[in-house]
PDB file of N, CA and C in Angstrom:
ATOM      1  N   MET A   1      -2.214 -17.729  34.274  1.00  0.00           N
ATOM      2  CA  MET A   1      -2.662 -18.653  33.237  1.00  0.00           C
ATOM      3  C   MET A   1      -1.592 -18.691  32.141  1.00  0.00           C
ATOM      4  N   THR A   2      -1.151 -19.869  31.764  1.00  0.00           N
ATOM      5  CA  THR A   2      -0.172 -19.975  30.687  1.00  0.00           C
ATOM      6  C   THR A   2      -0.858 -19.793  29.342  1.00  0.00           C
ATOM      7  N   GLU A   3      -0.078 -19.476  28.344  1.00  0.00           N
ATOM      8  CA  GLU A   3      -0.640 -19.252  27.011  1.00  0.00           C
ATOM      9  C   GLU A   3      -0.500 -20.491  26.141  1.00  0.00           C
ATOM     10  N   MET A   4      -0.707 -21.658  26.741  1.00  0.00           N
ATOM     11  CA  MET A   4      -0.569 -22.899  25.994  1.00  0.00           C
ATOM     12  C   MET A   4      -1.720 -23.125  25.020  1.00  0.00           C
ATOM     13  N   PHE A   5      -2.908 -22.686  25.400  1.00  0.00           N
ATOM     14  CA  PHE A   5      -4.092 -22.989  24.614  1.00  0.00           C
ATOM     15  C   PHE A   5      -4.816 -21.698  24.258  1.00  0.00           C
ATOM     16  N   LYS A   6      -5.154 -21.571  22.974  1.00  0.00           N
ATOM     17  CA  LYS A   6      -5.867 -20.380  22.508  1.00  0.00           C
ATOM     18  C   LYS A   6      -6.979 -20.795  21.561  1.00  0.00           C
ATOM     19  N   ILE A   7      -8.068 -20.057  21.627  1.00  0.00           N
ATOM     20  CA  ILE A   7      -9.143 -20.185  20.648  1.00  0.00           C
ATOM     21  C   ILE A   7      -9.293 -18.821  19.999  1.00  0.00           C
ATOM     22  N   ASN A   8      -9.151 -18.795  18.684  1.00  0.00           N
ATOM     23  CA  ASN A   8      -9.207 -17.544  17.922  1.00  0.00           C
ATOM     24  C   ASN A   8      -8.248 -16.491  18.485  1.00  0.00           C
ATOM     25  N   GLY A   9      -7.062 -16.952  18.926  1.00  0.00           N
ATOM     26  CA  GLY A   9      -6.035 -16.049  19.406  1.00  0.00           C
ATOM     27  C   GLY A   9      -6.187 -15.607  20.852  1.00  0.00           C
ATOM     28  N   VAL A  10      -7.270 -16.033  21.510  1.00  0.00           N
ATOM     29  CA  VAL A  10      -7.520 -15.641  22.900  1.00  0.00           C
ATOM     30  C   VAL A  10      -7.126 -16.790  23.813  1.00  0.00           C
ATOM     31  N   VAL A  11      -6.314 -16.490  24.832  1.00  0.00           N
ATOM     32  CA  VAL A  11      -5.870 -17.510  25.781  1.00  0.00           C
ATOM     33  C   VAL A  11      -7.071 -18.038  26.559  1.00  0.00           C
ATOM     34  N   ILE A  12      -7.160 -19.364  26.664  1.00  0.00           N
ATOM     35  CA  ILE A  12      -8.214 -20.000  27.456  1.00  0.00           C
ATOM     36  C   ILE A  12      -7.575 -20.731  28.634  1.00  0.00           C
ATOM     37  N   ASN A  13      -8.385 -21.054  29.631  1.00  0.00           N
ATOM     38  CA  ASN A  13      -7.892 -21.828  30.767  1.00  0.00           C
ATOM     39  C   ASN A  13      -7.279 -23.128  30.250  1.00  0.00           C
ATOM     40  N   SER A  14      -6.127 -23.484  30.779  1.00  0.00           N
ATOM     41  CA  SER A  14      -5.504 -24.749  30.385  1.00  0.00           C
ATOM     42  C   SER A  14      -6.374 -25.903  30.851  1.00  0.00           C
ATOM     43  N   PRO A  15      -6.644 -26.865  29.970  1.00  0.00           N
ATOM     44  CA  PRO A  15      -7.447 -28.009  30.388  1.00  0.00           C
ATOM     45  C   PRO A  15      -6.668 -28.883  31.366  1.00  0.00           C
ATOM     46  N   THR A  16      -7.408 -29.650  32.159  1.00  0.00           N
ATOM     47  CA  THR A  16      -6.769 -30.584  33.078  1.00  0.00           C
ATOM     48  C   THR A  16      -6.430 -31.892  32.377  1.00  0.00           C
ATOM     49  N   ALA A  17      -7.054 -32.128  31.235  1.00  0.00           N
ATOM     50  CA  ALA A  17      -6.754 -33.324  30.440  1.00  0.00           C
ATOM     51  C   ALA A  17      -6.970 -33.001  28.970  1.00  0.00           C
ATOM     52  N   CYS A  18      -6.207 -33.688  28.130  1.00  0.00           N
ATOM     53  CA  CYS A  18      -6.310 -33.494  26.686  1.00  0.00           C
ATOM     54  C   CYS A  18      -6.088 -34.841  26.008  1.00  0.00           C
ATOM     55  N   SER A  19      -6.967 -35.190  25.081  1.00  0.00           N
ATOM     56  CA  SER A  19      -6.730 -36.399  24.296  1.00  0.00           C
ATOM     57  C   SER A  19      -6.604 -35.997  22.831  1.00  0.00           C
ATOM     58  N   TRP A  20      -5.747 -36.703  22.125  1.00  0.00           N
ATOM     59  CA  TRP A  20      -5.412 -36.390  20.735  1.00  0.00           C
ATOM     60  C   TRP A  20      -5.655 -37.636  19.901  1.00  0.00           C
ATOM     61  N   GLN A  21      -6.236 -37.466  18.737  1.00  0.00           N
ATOM     62  CA  GLN A  21      -6.507 -38.589  17.844  1.00  0.00           C
ATOM     63  C   GLN A  21      -6.233 -38.160  16.410  1.00  0.00           C
ATOM     64  N   LEU A  22      -5.647 -39.051  15.622  1.00  0.00           N
ATOM     65  CA  LEU A  22      -5.417 -38.808  14.207  1.00  0.00           C
ATOM     66  C   LEU A  22      -6.223 -39.832  13.426  1.00  0.00           C
ATOM     67  N   SER A  23      -7.070 -39.359  12.539  1.00  0.00           N
ATOM     68  CA  SER A  23      -7.934 -40.245  11.756  1.00  0.00           C
ATOM     69  C   SER A  23      -7.554 -40.191  10.281  1.00  0.00           C
ATOM     70  N   ASP A  24      -7.522 -41.368   9.651  1.00  0.00           N
ATOM     71  CA  ASP A  24      -7.308 -41.453   8.210  1.00  0.00           C
ATOM     72  C   ASP A  24      -8.650 -41.332   7.500  1.00  0.00           C
ATOM     73  N   LEU A  25      -8.690 -40.499   6.479  1.00  0.00           N
ATOM     74  CA  LEU A  25      -9.858 -40.427   5.610  1.00  0.00           C
ATOM     75  C   LEU A  25      -9.480 -41.133   4.318  1.00  0.00           C
ATOM     76  N   SER A  26     -10.212 -42.185   3.998  1.00  0.00           N
ATOM     77  CA  SER A  26      -9.874 -43.023   2.852  1.00  0.00           C
ATOM     78  C   SER A  26     -10.808 -42.773   1.684  1.00  0.00           C
ATOM     79  N   SER A  27     -10.301 -42.990   0.475  1.00  0.00           N
ATOM     80  CA  SER A  27     -11.121 -42.824  -0.722  1.00  0.00           C
ATOM     81  C   SER A  27     -12.107 -43.980  -0.838  1.00  0.00           C
ATOM     82  N   ASP A  28     -13.049 -43.831  -1.746  1.00  0.00           N
ATOM     83  CA  ASP A  28     -14.027 -44.896  -2.010  1.00  0.00           C
ATOM     84  C   ASP A  28     -13.359 -46.145  -2.586  1.00  0.00           C
ATOM     85  N   GLU A  29     -12.146 -45.987  -3.102  1.00  0.00           N
ATOM     86  CA  GLU A  29     -11.415 -47.111  -3.682  1.00  0.00           C
ATOM     87  C   GLU A  29     -10.819 -48.021  -2.609  1.00  0.00           C
ATOM     88  N   SER A  30     -10.798 -47.561  -1.367  1.00  0.00           N
ATOM     89  CA  SER A  30     -10.226 -48.360  -0.278  1.00  0.00           C
ATOM     90  C   SER A  30     -11.187 -49.479   0.117  1.00  0.00           C
ATOM     91  N   GLY A  31     -10.609 -50.558   0.606  1.00  0.00           N
ATOM     92  CA  GLY A  31     -11.436 -51.659   1.094  1.00  0.00           C
ATOM     93  C   GLY A  31     -10.759 -52.996   0.870  1.00  0.00           C
ATOM     94  N   ARG A  32     -11.430 -54.034   1.282  1.00  0.00           N
ATOM     95  CA  ARG A  32     -10.900 -55.391   1.145  1.00  0.00           C
ATOM     96  C   ARG A  32     -11.354 -56.015  -0.174  1.00  0.00           C
ATOM     97  N   SER A  33     -10.450 -56.750  -0.756  1.00  0.00           N
ATOM     98  CA  SER A  33     -10.749 -57.484  -1.989  1.00  0.00           C
ATOM     99  C   SER A  33     -11.695 -58.638  -1.662  1.00  0.00           C
ATOM    100  N   THR A  34     -12.689 -58.815  -2.494  1.00  0.00           N
ATOM    101  CA  THR A  34     -13.603 -59.953  -2.294  1.00  0.00           C
ATOM    102  C   THR A  34     -12.992 -61.240  -2.823  1.00  0.00           C
ATOM    103  N   ARG A  35     -11.880 -61.138  -3.553  1.00  0.00           N
ATOM    104  CA  ARG A  35     -11.221 -62.336  -4.082  1.00  0.00           C
ATOM    105  C   ARG A  35     -10.283 -62.980  -3.069  1.00  0.00           C
ATOM    106  N   ASN A  36      -9.418 -62.156  -2.440  1.00  0.00           N
ATOM    107  CA  ASN A  36      -8.419 -62.759  -1.546  1.00  0.00           C
ATOM    108  C   ASN A  36      -8.357 -62.100  -0.161  1.00  0.00           C
ATOM    109  N   GLY A  37      -9.178 -61.115   0.097  1.00  0.00           N
ATOM    110  CA  GLY A  37      -9.225 -60.478   1.412  1.00  0.00           C
ATOM    111  C   GLY A  37      -8.140 -59.446   1.665  1.00  0.00           C
ATOM    112  N   ASP A  38      -7.273 -59.192   0.648  1.00  0.00           N
ATOM    113  CA  ASP A  38      -6.224 -58.180   0.823  1.00  0.00           C
ATOM    114  C   ASP A  38      -6.850 -56.794   0.974  1.00  0.00           C
ATOM    115  N   MET A  39      -6.189 -55.976   1.760  1.00  0.00           N
ATOM    116  CA  MET A  39      -6.668 -54.625   2.022  1.00  0.00           C
ATOM    117  C   MET A  39      -5.956 -53.635   1.117  1.00  0.00           C
ATOM    118  N   SER A  40      -6.730 -52.762   0.522  1.00  0.00           N
ATOM    119  CA  SER A  40      -6.207 -51.651  -0.262  1.00  0.00           C
ATOM    120  C   SER A  40      -6.683 -50.377   0.420  1.00  0.00           C
ATOM    121  N   LYS A  41      -5.744 -49.529   0.823  1.00  0.00           N
ATOM    122  CA  LYS A  41      -6.118 -48.304   1.544  1.00  0.00           C
ATOM    123  C   LYS A  41      -5.512 -47.099   0.837  1.00  0.00           C
ATOM    124  N   ASP A  42      -6.373 -46.234   0.354  1.00  0.00           N
ATOM    125  CA  ASP A  42      -5.979 -45.005  -0.316  1.00  0.00           C
ATOM    126  C   ASP A  42      -6.341 -43.848   0.607  1.00  0.00           C
ATOM    127  N   ILE A  43      -5.349 -43.375   1.376  1.00  0.00           N
ATOM    128  CA  ILE A  43      -5.590 -42.288   2.324  1.00  0.00           C
ATOM    129  C   ILE A  43      -5.561 -40.965   1.563  1.00  0.00           C
ATOM    130  N   ILE A  44      -6.684 -40.242   1.632  1.00  0.00           N
ATOM    131  CA  ILE A  44      -6.759 -38.956   0.937  1.00  0.00           C
ATOM    132  C   ILE A  44      -6.475 -37.777   1.875  1.00  0.00           C
ATOM    133  N   ALA A  45      -6.607 -38.004   3.180  1.00  0.00           N
ATOM    134  CA  ALA A  45      -6.305 -36.951   4.155  1.00  0.00           C
ATOM    135  C   ALA A  45      -6.213 -37.570   5.542  1.00  0.00           C
ATOM    136  N   GLN A  46      -5.563 -36.843   6.433  1.00  0.00           N
ATOM    137  CA  GLN A  46      -5.532 -37.203   7.847  1.00  0.00           C
ATOM    138  C   GLN A  46      -5.997 -35.987   8.632  1.00  0.00           C
ATOM    139  N   LYS A  47      -6.857 -36.213   9.605  1.00  0.00           N
ATOM    140  CA  LYS A  47      -7.421 -35.119  10.395  1.00  0.00           C
ATOM    141  C   LYS A  47      -7.300 -35.428  11.876  1.00  0.00           C
ATOM    142  N   ARG A  48      -7.069 -34.379  12.644  1.00  0.00           N
ATOM    143  CA  ARG A  48      -6.913 -34.498  14.088  1.00  0.00           C
ATOM    144  C   ARG A  48      -8.243 -34.227  14.797  1.00  0.00           C
ATOM    145  N   THR A  49      -8.429 -34.894  15.919  1.00  0.00           N
ATOM    146  CA  THR A  49      -9.490 -34.570  16.871  1.00  0.00           C
ATOM    147  C   THR A  49      -8.809 -34.382  18.219  1.00  0.00           C
ATOM    148  N   VAL A  50      -9.056 -33.246  18.832  1.00  0.00           N
ATOM    149  CA  VAL A  50      -8.487 -32.944  20.137  1.00  0.00           C
ATOM    150  C   VAL A  50      -9.660 -32.717  21.091  1.00  0.00           C
ATOM    151  N   THR A  51      -9.653 -33.420  22.210  1.00  0.00           N
ATOM    152  CA  THR A  51     -10.712 -33.244  23.204  1.00  0.00           C
ATOM    153  C   THR A  51     -10.090 -32.715  24.481  1.00  0.00           C
ATOM    154  N   PHE A  52     -10.593 -31.590  24.932  1.00  0.00           N
ATOM    155  CA  PHE A  52     -10.130 -30.960  26.162  1.00  0.00           C
ATOM    156  C   PHE A  52     -11.142 -31.218  27.263  1.00  0.00           C
ATOM    157  N   THR A  53     -10.631 -31.427  28.477  1.00  0.00           N
ATOM    158  CA  THR A  53     -11.474 -31.537  29.662  1.00  0.00           C
ATOM    159  C   THR A  53     -10.932 -30.589  30.721  1.00  0.00           C
ATOM    160  N   TRP A  54     -11.832 -29.824  31.301  1.00  0.00           N
ATOM    161  CA  TRP A  54     -11.482 -28.928  32.400  1.00  0.00           C
ATOM    162  C   TRP A  54     -12.216 -29.402  33.644  1.00  0.00           C
ATOM    163  N   SER A  55     -11.570 -29.330  34.789  1.00  0.00           N
ATOM    164  CA  SER A  55     -12.181 -29.730  36.055  1.00  0.00           C
ATOM    165  C   SER A  55     -12.164 -28.573  37.033  1.00  0.00           C
ATOM    166  N   GLN A  56     -13.151 -28.560  37.899  1.00  0.00           N
ATOM    167  CA  GLN A  56     -13.213 -27.597  38.993  1.00  0.00           C
ATOM    168  C   GLN A  56     -13.166 -26.143  38.534  1.00  0.00           C
ATOM    169  N   LEU A  57     -13.983 -25.792  37.570  1.00  0.00           N
ATOM    170  CA  LEU A  57     -14.091 -24.393  37.165  1.00  0.00           C
ATOM    171  C   LEU A  57     -15.233 -23.748  37.930  1.00  0.00           C
ATOM    172  N   ILE A  58     -15.051 -22.482  38.316  1.00  0.00           N
ATOM    173  CA  ILE A  58     -16.187 -21.793  38.906  1.00  0.00           C
ATOM    174  C   ILE A  58     -17.210 -21.561  37.792  1.00  0.00           C
ATOM    175  N   TRP A  59     -18.434 -21.372  38.214  1.00  0.00           N
ATOM    176  CA  TRP A  59     -19.566 -21.275  37.278  1.00  0.00           C
ATOM    177  C   TRP A  59     -19.304 -20.238  36.187  1.00  0.00           C
ATOM    178  N   ALA A  60     -18.824 -19.062  36.541  1.00  0.00           N
ATOM    179  CA  ALA A  60     -18.596 -17.985  35.564  1.00  0.00           C
ATOM    180  C   ALA A  60     -17.538 -18.381  34.525  1.00  0.00           C
ATOM    181  N   GLU A  61     -16.455 -19.051  34.956  1.00  0.00           N
ATOM    182  CA  GLU A  61     -15.416 -19.497  34.016  1.00  0.00           C
ATOM    183  C   GLU A  61     -15.972 -20.550  33.068  1.00  0.00           C
ATOM    184  N   ALA A  62     -16.739 -21.481  33.596  1.00  0.00           N
ATOM    185  CA  ALA A  62     -17.319 -22.541  32.772  1.00  0.00           C
ATOM    186  C   ALA A  62     -18.304 -21.961  31.755  1.00  0.00           C
ATOM    187  N   SER A  63     -19.102 -21.012  32.194  1.00  0.00           N
ATOM    188  CA  SER A  63     -20.067 -20.378  31.299  1.00  0.00           C
ATOM    189  C   SER A  63     -19.359 -19.623  30.179  1.00  0.00           C
ATOM    190  N   LYS A  64     -18.303 -18.891  30.531  1.00  0.00           N
ATOM    191  CA  LYS A  64     -17.521 -18.158  29.535  1.00  0.00           C
ATOM    192  C   LYS A  64     -16.923 -19.127  28.511  1.00  0.00           C
ATOM    193  N   LEU A  65     -16.377 -20.236  28.997  1.00  0.00           N
ATOM    194  CA  LEU A  65     -15.782 -21.241  28.122  1.00  0.00           C
ATOM    195  C   LEU A  65     -16.826 -21.855  27.195  1.00  0.00           C
ATOM    196  N   ALA A  66     -17.980 -22.213  27.753  1.00  0.00           N
ATOM    197  CA  ALA A  66     -19.050 -22.817  26.946  1.00  0.00           C
ATOM    198  C   ALA A  66     -19.514 -21.859  25.850  1.00  0.00           C
ATOM    199  N   ASN A  67     -19.690 -20.603  26.213  1.00  0.00           N
ATOM    200  CA  ASN A  67     -20.115 -19.620  25.216  1.00  0.00           C
ATOM    201  C   ASN A  67     -19.041 -19.386  24.168  1.00  0.00           C
ATOM    202  N   PHE A  68     -17.791 -19.389  24.589  1.00  0.00           N
ATOM    203  CA  PHE A  68     -16.697 -19.152  23.661  1.00  0.00           C
ATOM    204  C   PHE A  68     -16.548 -20.304  22.669  1.00  0.00           C
ATOM    205  N   CYS A  69     -16.723 -21.525  23.142  1.00  0.00           N
ATOM    206  CA  CYS A  69     -16.554 -22.701  22.279  1.00  0.00           C
ATOM    207  C   CYS A  69     -17.754 -22.960  21.373  1.00  0.00           C
ATOM    208  N   LYS A  70     -18.956 -22.723  21.875  1.00  0.00           N
ATOM    209  CA  LYS A  70     -20.134 -23.162  21.132  1.00  0.00           C
ATOM    210  C   LYS A  70     -21.082 -22.050  20.700  1.00  0.00           C
ATOM    211  N   ASN A  71     -21.104 -20.927  21.387  1.00  0.00           N
ATOM    212  CA  ASN A  71     -22.115 -19.914  21.103  1.00  0.00           C
ATOM    213  C   ASN A  71     -21.638 -18.868  20.104  1.00  0.00           C
ATOM    214  N   LYS A  72     -20.395 -18.915  19.706  1.00  0.00           N
ATOM    215  CA  LYS A  72     -19.835 -17.935  18.772  1.00  0.00           C
ATOM    216  C   LYS A  72     -19.645 -18.541  17.379  1.00  0.00           C
ATOM    217  N   GLY A  73     -20.301 -19.649  17.124  1.00  0.00           N
ATOM    218  CA  GLY A  73     -20.114 -20.359  15.860  1.00  0.00           C
ATOM    219  C   GLY A  73     -19.268 -21.585  16.093  1.00  0.00           C
ATOM    220  N   ALA A  74     -19.326 -22.502  15.172  1.00  0.00           N
ATOM    221  CA  ALA A  74     -18.673 -23.796  15.369  1.00  0.00           C
ATOM    222  C   ALA A  74     -17.235 -23.829  14.864  1.00  0.00           C
ATOM    223  N   VAL A  75     -16.809 -22.868  14.060  1.00  0.00           N
ATOM    224  CA  VAL A  75     -15.466 -22.905  13.476  1.00  0.00           C
ATOM    225  C   VAL A  75     -14.531 -21.997  14.278  1.00  0.00           C
ATOM    226  N   VAL A  76     -13.387 -22.567  14.697  1.00  0.00           N
ATOM    227  CA  VAL A  76     -12.419 -21.815  15.499  1.00  0.00           C
ATOM    228  C   VAL A  76     -11.008 -22.095  15.001  1.00  0.00           C
ATOM    229  N   MET A  77     -10.117 -21.169  15.293  1.00  0.00           N
ATOM    230  CA  MET A  77      -8.680 -21.398  15.121  1.00  0.00           C
ATOM    231  C   MET A  77      -8.168 -21.803  16.496  1.00  0.00           C
ATOM    232  N   LEU A  78      -7.630 -23.019  16.592  1.00  0.00           N
ATOM    233  CA  LEU A  78      -7.194 -23.575  17.868  1.00  0.00           C
ATOM    234  C   LEU A  78      -5.675 -23.659  17.901  1.00  0.00           C
ATOM    235  N   THR A  79      -5.083 -23.111  18.948  1.00  0.00           N
ATOM    236  CA  THR A  79      -3.640 -23.220  19.176  1.00  0.00           C
ATOM    237  C   THR A  79      -3.445 -24.154  20.359  1.00  0.00           C
ATOM    238  N   TYR A  80      -2.620 -25.190  20.152  1.00  0.00           N
ATOM    239  CA  TYR A  80      -2.435 -26.211  21.182  1.00  0.00           C
ATOM    240  C   TYR A  80      -1.130 -26.955  20.906  1.00  0.00           C
ATOM    241  N   PRO A  81      -0.609 -27.688  21.897  1.00  0.00           N
ATOM    242  CA  PRO A  81       0.585 -28.496  21.647  1.00  0.00           C
ATOM    243  C   PRO A  81       0.188 -29.780  20.922  1.00  0.00           C
ATOM    244  N   ASP A  82       0.711 -29.972  19.725  1.00  0.00           N
ATOM    245  CA  ASP A  82       0.344 -31.129  18.903  1.00  0.00           C
ATOM    246  C   ASP A  82       1.435 -32.195  18.998  1.00  0.00           C
ATOM    247  N   ILE A  83       1.061 -33.391  19.376  1.00  0.00           N
ATOM    248  CA  ILE A  83       2.034 -34.455  19.601  1.00  0.00           C
ATOM    249  C   ILE A  83       2.744 -34.870  18.308  1.00  0.00           C
ATOM    250  N   MET A  84       2.048 -34.841  17.192  1.00  0.00           N
ATOM    251  CA  MET A  84       2.655 -35.257  15.927  1.00  0.00           C
ATOM    252  C   MET A  84       3.625 -34.191  15.406  1.00  0.00           C
ATOM    253  N   ALA A  85       3.231 -32.931  15.522  1.00  0.00           N
ATOM    254  CA  ALA A  85       4.092 -31.835  15.068  1.00  0.00           C
ATOM    255  C   ALA A  85       5.259 -31.617  16.030  1.00  0.00           C
ATOM    256  N   GLY A  86       5.083 -32.041  17.277  1.00  0.00           N
ATOM    257  CA  GLY A  86       6.132 -31.837  18.272  1.00  0.00           C
ATOM    258  C   GLY A  86       6.300 -30.381  18.654  1.00  0.00           C
ATOM    259  N   ALA A  87       5.238 -29.607  18.471  1.00  0.00           N
ATOM    260  CA  ALA A  87       5.306 -28.170  18.739  1.00  0.00           C
ATOM    261  C   ALA A  87       3.886 -27.628  18.891  1.00  0.00           C
ATOM    262  N   TYR A  88       3.812 -26.355  19.274  1.00  0.00           N
ATOM    263  CA  TYR A  88       2.514 -25.679  19.284  1.00  0.00           C
ATOM    264  C   TYR A  88       2.145 -25.336  17.852  1.00  0.00           C
ATOM    265  N   ILE A  89       0.912 -25.620  17.492  1.00  0.00           N
ATOM    266  CA  ILE A  89       0.441 -25.281  16.155  1.00  0.00           C
ATOM    267  C   ILE A  89      -0.928 -24.623  16.259  1.00  0.00           C
ATOM    268  N   THR A  90      -1.304 -23.940  15.203  1.00  0.00           N
ATOM    269  CA  THR A  90      -2.631 -23.345  15.102  1.00  0.00           C
ATOM    270  C   THR A  90      -3.267 -23.917  13.850  1.00  0.00           C
ATOM    271  N   LYS A  91      -4.455 -24.497  14.027  1.00  0.00           N
ATOM    272  CA  LYS A  91      -5.181 -25.097  12.910  1.00  0.00           C
ATOM    273  C   LYS A  91      -6.661 -24.741  13.023  1.00  0.00           C
ATOM    274  N   ARG A  92      -7.339 -24.881  11.908  1.00  0.00           N
ATOM    275  CA  ARG A  92      -8.778 -24.606  11.840  1.00  0.00           C
ATOM    276  C   ARG A  92      -9.544 -25.867  12.246  1.00  0.00           C
ATOM    277  N   PHE A  93     -10.421 -25.734  13.231  1.00  0.00           N
ATOM    278  CA  PHE A  93     -11.230 -26.826  13.742  1.00  0.00           C
ATOM    279  C   PHE A  93     -12.688 -26.396  13.802  1.00  0.00           C
ATOM    280  N   TYR A  94     -13.577 -27.356  13.873  1.00  0.00           N
ATOM    281  CA  TYR A  94     -14.939 -27.052  14.280  1.00  0.00           C
ATOM    282  C   TYR A  94     -15.160 -27.721  15.626  1.00  0.00           C
ATOM    283  N   THR A  95     -16.023 -27.121  16.433  1.00  0.00           N
ATOM    284  CA  THR A  95     -16.258 -27.675  17.759  1.00  0.00           C
ATOM    285  C   THR A  95     -17.320 -28.762  17.658  1.00  0.00           C
ATOM    286  N   GLY A  96     -16.995 -29.891  18.265  1.00  0.00           N
ATOM    287  CA  GLY A  96     -17.927 -31.007  18.307  1.00  0.00           C
ATOM    288  C   GLY A  96     -18.784 -30.917  19.551  1.00  0.00           C
ATOM    289  N   ASP A  97     -19.095 -32.068  20.096  1.00  0.00           N
ATOM    290  CA  ASP A  97     -19.951 -32.110  21.281  1.00  0.00           C
ATOM    291  C   ASP A  97     -19.262 -31.484  22.483  1.00  0.00           C
ATOM    292  N   MET A  98     -20.071 -30.859  23.315  1.00  0.00           N
ATOM    293  CA  MET A  98     -19.594 -30.279  24.570  1.00  0.00           C
ATOM    294  C   MET A  98     -20.500 -30.778  25.675  1.00  0.00           C
ATOM    295  N   SER A  99     -19.908 -31.144  26.807  1.00  0.00           N
ATOM    296  CA  SER A  99     -20.716 -31.606  27.937  1.00  0.00           C
ATOM    297  C   SER A  99     -20.155 -31.024  29.223  1.00  0.00           C
ATOM    298  N   ALA A 100     -21.009 -30.977  30.244  1.00  0.00           N
ATOM    299  CA  ALA A 100     -20.592 -30.436  31.539  1.00  0.00           C
ATOM    300  C   ALA A 100     -21.337 -31.150  32.658  1.00  0.00           C
ATOM    301  N   ASP A 101     -20.629 -31.367  33.761  1.00  0.00           N
ATOM    302  CA  ASP A 101     -21.215 -31.875  34.997  1.00  0.00           C
ATOM    303  C   ASP A 101     -21.057 -30.777  36.027  1.00  0.00           C
ATOM    304  N   TYR A 102     -22.154 -30.358  36.615  1.00  0.00           N
ATOM    305  CA  TYR A 102     -22.028 -29.348  37.664  1.00  0.00           C
ATOM    306  C   TYR A 102     -22.852 -29.768  38.867  1.00  0.00           C
ATOM    307  N   SER A 103     -22.112 -30.276  39.843  1.00  0.00           N
ATOM    308  CA  SER A 103     -22.782 -30.793  41.025  1.00  0.00           C
ATOM    309  C   SER A 103     -22.162 -30.319  42.326  1.00  0.00           C
ATOM    310  N   LEU A 104     -21.145 -29.480  42.259  1.00  0.00           N
ATOM    311  CA  LEU A 104     -20.512 -28.994  43.488  1.00  0.00           C
ATOM    312  C   LEU A 104     -21.019 -27.597  43.820  1.00  0.00           C
ATOM    313  N   TRP A 105     -21.558 -27.455  44.990  1.00  0.00           N
ATOM    314  CA  TRP A 105     -22.044 -26.161  45.454  1.00  0.00           C
ATOM    315  C   TRP A 105     -21.455 -25.963  46.844  1.00  0.00           C
ATOM    316  N   ASN A 106     -20.737 -24.893  47.057  1.00  0.00           N
ATOM    317  CA  ASN A 106     -20.120 -24.703  48.371  1.00  0.00           C
ATOM    318  C   ASN A 106     -20.464 -23.344  48.983  1.00  0.00           C
ATOM    319  N   GLY A 107     -21.701 -23.036  49.049  1.00  0.00           N
ATOM    320  CA  GLY A 107     -22.113 -21.778  49.671  1.00  0.00           C
ATOM    321  C   GLY A 107     -21.995 -20.594  48.750  1.00  0.00           C
ATOM    322  N   LYS A 108     -20.796 -20.021  48.635  1.00  0.00           N
ATOM    323  CA  LYS A 108     -20.608 -18.815  47.832  1.00  0.00           C
ATOM    324  C   LYS A 108     -20.466 -19.116  46.338  1.00  0.00           C
ATOM    325  N   ASN A 109     -19.683 -20.126  46.016  1.00  0.00           N
ATOM    326  CA  ASN A 109     -19.402 -20.410  44.607  1.00  0.00           C
ATOM    327  C   ASN A 109     -20.057 -21.699  44.143  1.00  0.00           C
ATOM    328  N   GLN A 110     -20.427 -21.696  42.890  1.00  0.00           N
ATOM    329  CA  GLN A 110     -20.939 -22.894  42.237  1.00  0.00           C
ATOM    330  C   GLN A 110     -19.839 -23.378  41.308  1.00  0.00           C
ATOM    331  N   TYR A 111     -19.534 -24.673  41.358  1.00  0.00           N
ATOM    332  CA  TYR A 111     -18.439 -25.229  40.572  1.00  0.00           C
ATOM    333  C   TYR A 111     -18.950 -26.204  39.522  1.00  0.00           C
ATOM    334  N   VAL A 112     -18.279 -26.187  38.404  1.00  0.00           N
ATOM    335  CA  VAL A 112     -18.511 -27.192  37.376  1.00  0.00           C
ATOM    336  C   VAL A 112     -17.399 -28.219  37.543  1.00  0.00           C
ATOM    337  N   THR A 113     -17.778 -29.464  37.825  1.00  0.00           N
ATOM    338  CA  THR A 113     -16.776 -30.479  38.124  1.00  0.00           C
ATOM    339  C   THR A 113     -16.028 -30.932  36.876  1.00  0.00           C
ATOM    340  N   ASN A 114     -16.708 -31.050  35.772  1.00  0.00           N
ATOM    341  CA  ASN A 114     -16.072 -31.449  34.512  1.00  0.00           C
ATOM    342  C   ASN A 114     -16.789 -30.777  33.351  1.00  0.00           C
ATOM    343  N   ILE A 115     -16.004 -30.249  32.449  1.00  0.00           N
ATOM    344  CA  ILE A 115     -16.554 -29.711  31.202  1.00  0.00           C
ATOM    345  C   ILE A 115     -15.606 -30.156  30.091  1.00  0.00           C
ATOM    346  N   SER A 116     -16.144 -30.654  29.008  1.00  0.00           N
ATOM    347  CA  SER A 116     -15.284 -31.123  27.911  1.00  0.00           C
ATOM    348  C   SER A 116     -15.855 -30.698  26.566  1.00  0.00           C
ATOM    349  N   CYS A 117     -14.936 -30.543  25.618  1.00  0.00           N
ATOM    350  CA  CYS A 117     -15.314 -30.171  24.263  1.00  0.00           C
ATOM    351  C   CYS A 117     -14.333 -30.811  23.292  1.00  0.00           C
ATOM    352  N   SER A 118     -14.875 -31.315  22.202  1.00  0.00           N
ATOM    353  CA  SER A 118     -14.045 -31.889  21.140  1.00  0.00           C
ATOM    354  C   SER A 118     -13.864 -30.855  20.035  1.00  0.00           C
ATOM    355  N   PHE A 119     -12.665 -30.864  19.468  1.00  0.00           N
ATOM    356  CA  PHE A 119     -12.331 -29.992  18.347  1.00  0.00           C
ATOM    357  C   PHE A 119     -11.892 -30.901  17.209  1.00  0.00           C
ATOM    358  N   ILE A 120     -12.565 -30.809  16.067  1.00  0.00           N
ATOM    359  CA  ILE A 120     -12.307 -31.686  14.931  1.00  0.00           C
ATOM    360  C   ILE A 120     -11.727 -30.838  13.792  1.00  0.00           C
ATOM    361  N   GLU A 121     -10.573 -31.261  13.299  1.00  0.00           N
ATOM    362  CA  GLU A 121      -9.879 -30.497  12.258  1.00  0.00           C
ATOM    363  C   GLU A 121     -10.720 -30.417  11.003  1.00  0.00           C
ATOM    364  N   MET A 122     -10.739 -29.239  10.396  1.00  0.00           N
ATOM    365  CA  MET A 122     -11.510 -28.999   9.167  1.00  0.00           C
ATOM    366  C   MET A 122     -10.750 -29.570   7.969  1.00  0.00           C
TER     367      MET A 122
END
């Protein structure tokens, strides 16, 4: 397992997919003018949302991941490759929604086909 992704300093399974989003948080002063329709945007902060998806995890790995992301509290320190920083960074996030599909059963092992979790920058 590579050490590309960590939660609270602990290496986690590398996701099979990752999506990254940067959101502008605007002040109450932002908006369109009712006189001429011009836009005024006062950005007070920018925050990242990173969503990881893992595929084909055995039941025990998926359970460990779910408990690590959601059952230990919602605030985590996440280490991941950030496209904007162009490097690995560690930032404080809270965990958003988590979902899982588990429909593969092959005799000995039970597999989770997809598990995903969003991490929203604090």
